[in-house]
Each structure stands twice: as structure tokens, then as C-alpha cells.
Amino acid sequence: MSDTVGKKEVRNYNLTDGKMLRRAETMLKQLKEDHSLFIEKFPKLDDAYLTVFENDIKAARKCRSDYTVNTEKKITGHRKPLMEEAKKSLGILFKYAIITYRDDKKKQRMFGQNRMDKARNNLAKMVVLLELAHDMANKNPYKNDLLIKGYTQEEIDGLQIIANKLSDRNIDHGVATKVRPVSTVERIALLNAAYHHIWIINKCAQVVFMKDPAKIKLYKIGL
């Protein structure tokens, strides 16, 4: 049995997966340009580290690609009810987001509402949307805000449960083995590994360019 069974992995970032990976690639390119300056302050950020950084980005991109190919199957049979359940659960969350953040349009829509049209009939995008919505709703202060207004922890957990059913247990095993070699937990762990480099370099840049705010800005986590 896989050692990932029963474990839970959540994203350590608020960006979308695509934006996070593009940010990692941009930061790696900038780091290579300023490498000698970083080495002076942080010797461990050597050529070997650059290789690890680059390989982690590639691994994260590959698992996203494998995952997308596998889950863009025709929605048939037992997956149809799951898709309807997903839409219903997301609809409830979106309504509570409006109730909770009545005067803040930006916060109302940070649970992935803008992805709903494309996810409605696409397994891959629906799973990604469910996971994004779950991660945001399960993170404070948003979680507490939603619970105060009547949304429940059971409903939050239900988003991830449906995502797991769509992406893991209810996809043909033969296809999953051939096309999607990593589990949901492993996939998010790979994405988090890529993000961890962004976080490290952001902190180091604040030391390296302490007197150069413009340069520090190039190493912000989100641009």
C-alpha cells in the first residue's frame, strides 16, 4: 500500500498552480543572473541548488501534465453524478462567500468562481477547482469567516472528498496507472516543493539586496 494513503497534503501558496510555476521559472532565471551575489551571502545556493530548483519545477510541471491528460476523459457513467455533486457543493460555497464578504467583491470570488464555466464539463478542471476552493475555504481567516456565517467544516471537507473521488477512486485503474503515475497527495507535494524554492529565494533576496528595494521587488513571491 502506498505510504501516501490516509495522508493529506495542502498547497502552501495562494497562487494558482500555473501562476506559481511560472513565477518559479521567472525567479530561477533571475537567480541565475544574480547568482554570484547570492553565493556571497548564502554559499549553499550553489550550482547544485540551481539544478535542484530547476528539476523540482520540471517535476511539478510534468505531474500537472500527466494529471490533466488522464482526467480529461469523457464524463460518463458514475462520474456524471459526481460532477453534479461537485457543482452543487461549489455552488453552496460560492453563495456563502457572497454572504460572508457582502461588501468585498474580490474576496467573494477568491474561491475559484471564475473557473466554474470551464470546469463545468471538464473533469480535470473540476478537480483542480474543487481543490483550490477547499484549500482557500479551509485556510484562516477565511475559514472562520465562513463558519461564522453558517458554512460548515463538513461542507469544506466535502470539497476535497469529491475531488478525491473524481481524481483517484473513480478513474479507470488501467488509465490511471499508465497516464497519471502520481496521486493527488504526491502531485501537491511536488508543487509545494517548487514553491518552497520561491519562498527561500524571496527571503534570501531581502538580505542580498537590503539596500535595493527595486531589486527585492524582482524576487517577490507574487507579481
Protein backbone atom coordinates (compact mmCIF):
# COMPACT_ATOMS: atom_id res chain seq x y z
CA MET A 1 0.00 0.00 0.00
CA SER A 2 1.28 3.48 -0.84
CA ASP A 3 2.66 5.47 2.09
CA THR A 4 0.53 8.39 0.91
CA VAL A 5 -2.73 6.64 1.76
CA GLY A 6 -4.52 8.46 4.55
CA LYS A 7 -2.22 11.47 4.35
CA LYS A 8 -3.41 14.93 3.49
CA GLU A 9 -1.45 17.49 1.51
CA VAL A 10 -2.47 21.10 1.00
CA ARG A 11 -0.94 23.81 -1.14
CA ASN A 12 1.37 26.18 0.71
CA TYR A 13 0.57 29.06 -1.63
CA ASN A 14 -2.41 31.17 -2.67
CA LEU A 15 -1.45 31.48 -6.35
CA THR A 16 -2.94 29.16 -8.95
CA ASP A 17 -0.68 26.23 -9.82
CA GLY A 18 0.09 27.69 -13.24
CA LYS A 19 0.98 31.13 -11.89
CA MET A 20 3.12 29.62 -9.15
CA LEU A 21 5.12 27.56 -11.63
CA ARG A 22 5.57 30.50 -13.98
CA ARG A 23 6.76 32.55 -11.02
CA ALA A 24 9.23 29.81 -10.08
CA GLU A 25 10.63 29.76 -13.62
CA THR A 26 10.97 33.55 -13.70
CA MET A 27 12.64 33.61 -10.29
CA LEU A 28 15.07 30.86 -11.27
CA LYS A 29 16.08 32.84 -14.37
CA GLN A 30 16.62 35.98 -12.25
CA LEU A 31 18.54 33.99 -9.66
CA LYS A 32 20.93 32.71 -12.33
CA GLU A 33 21.62 36.30 -13.41
CA ASP A 34 22.38 37.39 -9.82
CA HIS A 35 23.90 34.09 -8.72
CA SER A 36 27.31 35.43 -7.69
CA LEU A 37 25.69 37.95 -5.33
CA PHE A 38 23.59 35.28 -3.65
CA ILE A 39 26.57 32.94 -3.26
CA GLU A 40 28.47 35.59 -1.29
CA LYS A 41 25.75 35.64 1.36
CA PHE A 42 24.38 32.12 1.01
CA PRO A 43 27.03 29.60 -0.15
CA LYS A 44 24.50 26.75 -0.13
CA LEU A 45 22.72 28.35 -3.09
CA ASP A 46 25.39 26.91 -5.39
CA ASP A 47 25.18 25.34 -8.84
CA ALA A 48 23.83 22.13 -7.33
CA TYR A 49 20.99 24.10 -5.76
CA LEU A 50 20.14 25.68 -9.12
CA THR A 51 19.89 22.19 -10.58
CA VAL A 52 17.57 21.02 -7.78
CA PHE A 53 15.42 24.13 -8.23
CA GLU A 54 15.12 23.53 -11.97
CA ASN A 55 14.39 19.81 -11.57
CA ASP A 56 11.69 20.47 -8.99
CA ILE A 57 9.94 22.84 -11.40
CA LYS A 58 10.13 20.23 -14.18
CA ALA A 59 8.75 17.51 -11.88
CA ALA A 60 5.85 19.73 -10.83
CA ARG A 61 5.05 20.64 -14.44
CA LYS A 62 5.19 17.00 -15.54
CA CYS A 63 2.80 15.79 -12.85
CA ARG A 64 0.32 18.55 -13.77
CA SER A 65 0.53 17.49 -17.41
CA ASP A 66 0.04 13.80 -16.65
CA TYR A 67 -2.86 14.61 -14.38
CA THR A 68 -4.61 16.78 -16.96
CA VAL A 69 -4.30 14.22 -19.74
CA ASN A 70 -5.71 11.49 -17.52
CA THR A 71 -8.73 13.36 -16.22
CA GLU A 72 -9.90 14.91 -19.48
CA LYS A 73 -11.82 11.75 -20.22
CA LYS A 74 -15.39 11.80 -21.41
CA ILE A 75 -17.75 12.28 -18.48
CA THR A 76 -19.84 9.13 -18.45
CA GLY A 77 -21.46 6.64 -16.10
CA HIS A 78 -20.72 7.04 -12.41
CA ARG A 79 -18.76 10.25 -12.98
CA LYS A 80 -21.86 12.21 -14.00
CA PRO A 81 -23.43 12.17 -10.51
CA LEU A 82 -20.06 13.13 -9.01
CA MET A 83 -19.80 16.11 -11.35
CA GLU A 84 -23.30 17.21 -10.36
CA GLU A 85 -22.37 16.80 -6.69
CA ALA A 86 -19.26 18.90 -7.30
CA LYS A 87 -21.28 21.70 -8.92
CA LYS A 88 -23.79 21.67 -6.07
CA SER A 89 -21.10 21.78 -3.37
CA LEU A 90 -19.23 24.59 -5.09
CA GLY A 91 -22.48 26.49 -5.55
CA ILE A 92 -23.10 26.37 -1.81
CA LEU A 93 -19.59 27.66 -1.09
CA PHE A 94 -19.95 30.46 -3.62
CA LYS A 95 -23.24 31.57 -2.03
CA TYR A 96 -21.67 31.65 1.42
CA ALA A 97 -18.74 33.62 0.01
CA ILE A 98 -21.19 36.30 -1.14
CA ILE A 99 -22.96 36.29 2.23
CA THR A 100 -19.67 36.41 4.16
CA TYR A 101 -17.99 39.09 2.08
CA ARG A 102 -21.01 41.11 1.03
CA ASP A 103 -19.01 44.32 0.66
CA ASP A 104 -15.82 42.84 -0.76
CA LYS A 105 -16.16 41.62 -4.36
CA LYS A 106 -12.54 40.46 -4.50
CA LYS A 107 -12.90 38.13 -1.51
CA GLN A 108 -16.23 36.88 -2.82
CA ARG A 109 -14.51 35.50 -5.89
CA MET A 110 -11.27 34.13 -4.46
CA PHE A 111 -12.67 30.59 -4.17
CA GLY A 112 -12.38 29.94 -7.90
CA GLN A 113 -15.71 31.20 -9.23
CA ASN A 114 -14.02 32.45 -12.40
CA ARG A 115 -13.05 28.85 -13.24
CA MET A 116 -16.53 27.39 -12.99
CA ASP A 117 -17.60 27.80 -16.63
CA LYS A 118 -14.55 25.92 -17.93
CA ALA A 119 -14.72 23.28 -15.19
CA ARG A 120 -18.42 22.54 -15.58
CA ASN A 121 -17.89 19.81 -18.21
CA ASN A 122 -14.18 19.06 -17.73
CA LEU A 123 -13.05 16.50 -15.15
CA ALA A 124 -9.50 17.83 -14.91
CA LYS A 125 -10.52 21.41 -14.37
CA MET A 126 -13.28 20.44 -11.96
CA VAL A 127 -10.85 18.56 -9.72
CA VAL A 128 -8.42 21.50 -9.73
CA LEU A 129 -11.27 23.89 -8.91
CA LEU A 130 -12.51 21.70 -6.06
CA GLU A 131 -9.04 21.50 -4.56
CA LEU A 132 -8.46 25.24 -4.91
CA ALA A 133 -11.84 26.00 -3.33
CA HIS A 134 -11.16 23.57 -0.50
CA ASP A 135 -7.70 24.95 0.24
CA MET A 136 -8.96 28.53 0.39
CA ALA A 137 -12.08 27.71 2.44
CA ASN A 138 -10.03 25.63 4.88
CA LYS A 139 -7.50 28.39 5.49
CA ASN A 140 -7.89 31.10 8.11
CA PRO A 141 -9.05 33.81 8.29
CA TYR A 142 -11.43 32.75 5.50
CA LYS A 143 -12.43 29.53 7.23
CA ASN A 144 -13.52 31.30 10.42
CA ASP A 145 -15.34 33.97 8.44
CA LEU A 146 -17.34 31.32 6.55
CA LEU A 147 -18.11 29.24 9.64
CA ILE A 148 -19.45 32.27 11.48
CA LYS A 149 -21.95 32.78 8.65
CA GLY A 150 -23.17 29.17 8.77
CA TYR A 151 -20.93 27.27 6.35
CA THR A 152 -19.71 24.02 7.95
CA GLN A 153 -16.46 22.11 8.28
CA GLU A 154 -18.24 19.10 6.82
CA GLU A 155 -19.02 21.10 3.69
CA ILE A 156 -15.40 22.26 3.45
CA ASP A 157 -14.10 18.70 3.79
CA GLY A 158 -16.68 17.55 1.26
CA LEU A 159 -15.00 19.57 -1.49
CA GLN A 160 -11.79 17.55 -1.12
CA ILE A 161 -13.69 14.28 -0.77
CA ILE A 162 -15.43 14.85 -4.10
CA ALA A 163 -12.13 15.85 -5.72
CA ASN A 164 -10.55 12.63 -4.48
CA LYS A 165 -13.43 10.56 -5.81
CA LEU A 166 -13.16 12.16 -9.23
CA SER A 167 -9.39 12.01 -9.50
CA ASP A 168 -8.50 8.79 -7.70
CA ARG A 169 -11.06 6.11 -6.87
CA ASN A 170 -13.43 6.68 -9.79
CA ILE A 171 -10.98 6.80 -12.69
CA ASP A 172 -10.21 3.61 -14.55
CA HIS A 173 -7.23 1.96 -12.85
CA GLY A 174 -5.53 0.99 -16.08
CA VAL A 175 -5.59 4.55 -17.38
CA ALA A 176 -4.56 5.95 -14.02
CA THR A 177 -1.51 3.69 -13.91
CA LYS A 178 -0.48 4.44 -17.47
CA VAL A 179 -1.16 8.17 -17.67
CA ARG A 180 -1.29 9.53 -14.16
CA PRO A 181 1.53 7.93 -12.15
CA VAL A 182 1.17 10.19 -9.10
CA SER A 183 -1.61 10.52 -6.55
CA THR A 184 -3.27 13.78 -5.59
CA VAL A 185 -1.17 13.93 -2.42
CA GLU A 186 2.06 13.34 -4.34
CA ARG A 187 1.13 15.87 -7.00
CA ILE A 188 0.52 18.65 -4.47
CA ALA A 189 3.75 17.71 -2.67
CA LEU A 190 5.67 18.22 -5.93
CA LEU A 191 4.00 21.59 -6.46
CA ASN A 192 4.85 22.61 -2.90
CA ALA A 193 8.49 21.61 -3.46
CA ALA A 194 8.68 24.03 -6.40
CA TYR A 195 7.04 26.76 -4.34
CA HIS A 196 9.46 26.22 -1.44
CA HIS A 197 12.28 27.50 -3.67
CA ILE A 198 10.31 30.68 -4.36
CA TRP A 199 9.91 31.20 -0.63
CA ILE A 200 13.60 30.59 0.10
CA ILE A 201 14.89 32.90 -2.63
CA ASN A 202 12.42 35.61 -1.65
CA LYS A 203 13.80 35.61 1.90
CA CYS A 204 17.43 35.49 0.75
CA ALA A 205 16.89 38.34 -1.71
CA GLN A 206 15.76 40.59 1.14
CA VAL A 207 19.22 40.14 2.67
CA VAL A 208 21.26 40.25 -0.53
CA PHE A 209 19.56 43.41 -1.80
CA MET A 210 18.82 45.01 1.56
CA LYS A 211 19.57 48.50 0.19
CA ASP A 212 17.99 47.97 -3.21
CA PRO A 213 14.15 47.89 -2.98
CA ALA A 214 13.79 47.74 -6.77
CA LYS A 215 15.85 44.57 -6.90
CA ILE A 216 13.97 43.00 -4.00
CA LYS A 217 10.76 43.58 -5.93
CA LEU A 218 12.05 41.26 -8.68
CA TYR A 219 12.03 38.45 -6.13
CA LYS A 220 8.55 38.97 -4.74
CA ILE A 221 6.57 35.77 -4.31
CA GLY A 222 3.68 37.04 -6.44
CA LEU A 223 3.93 39.53 -9.28
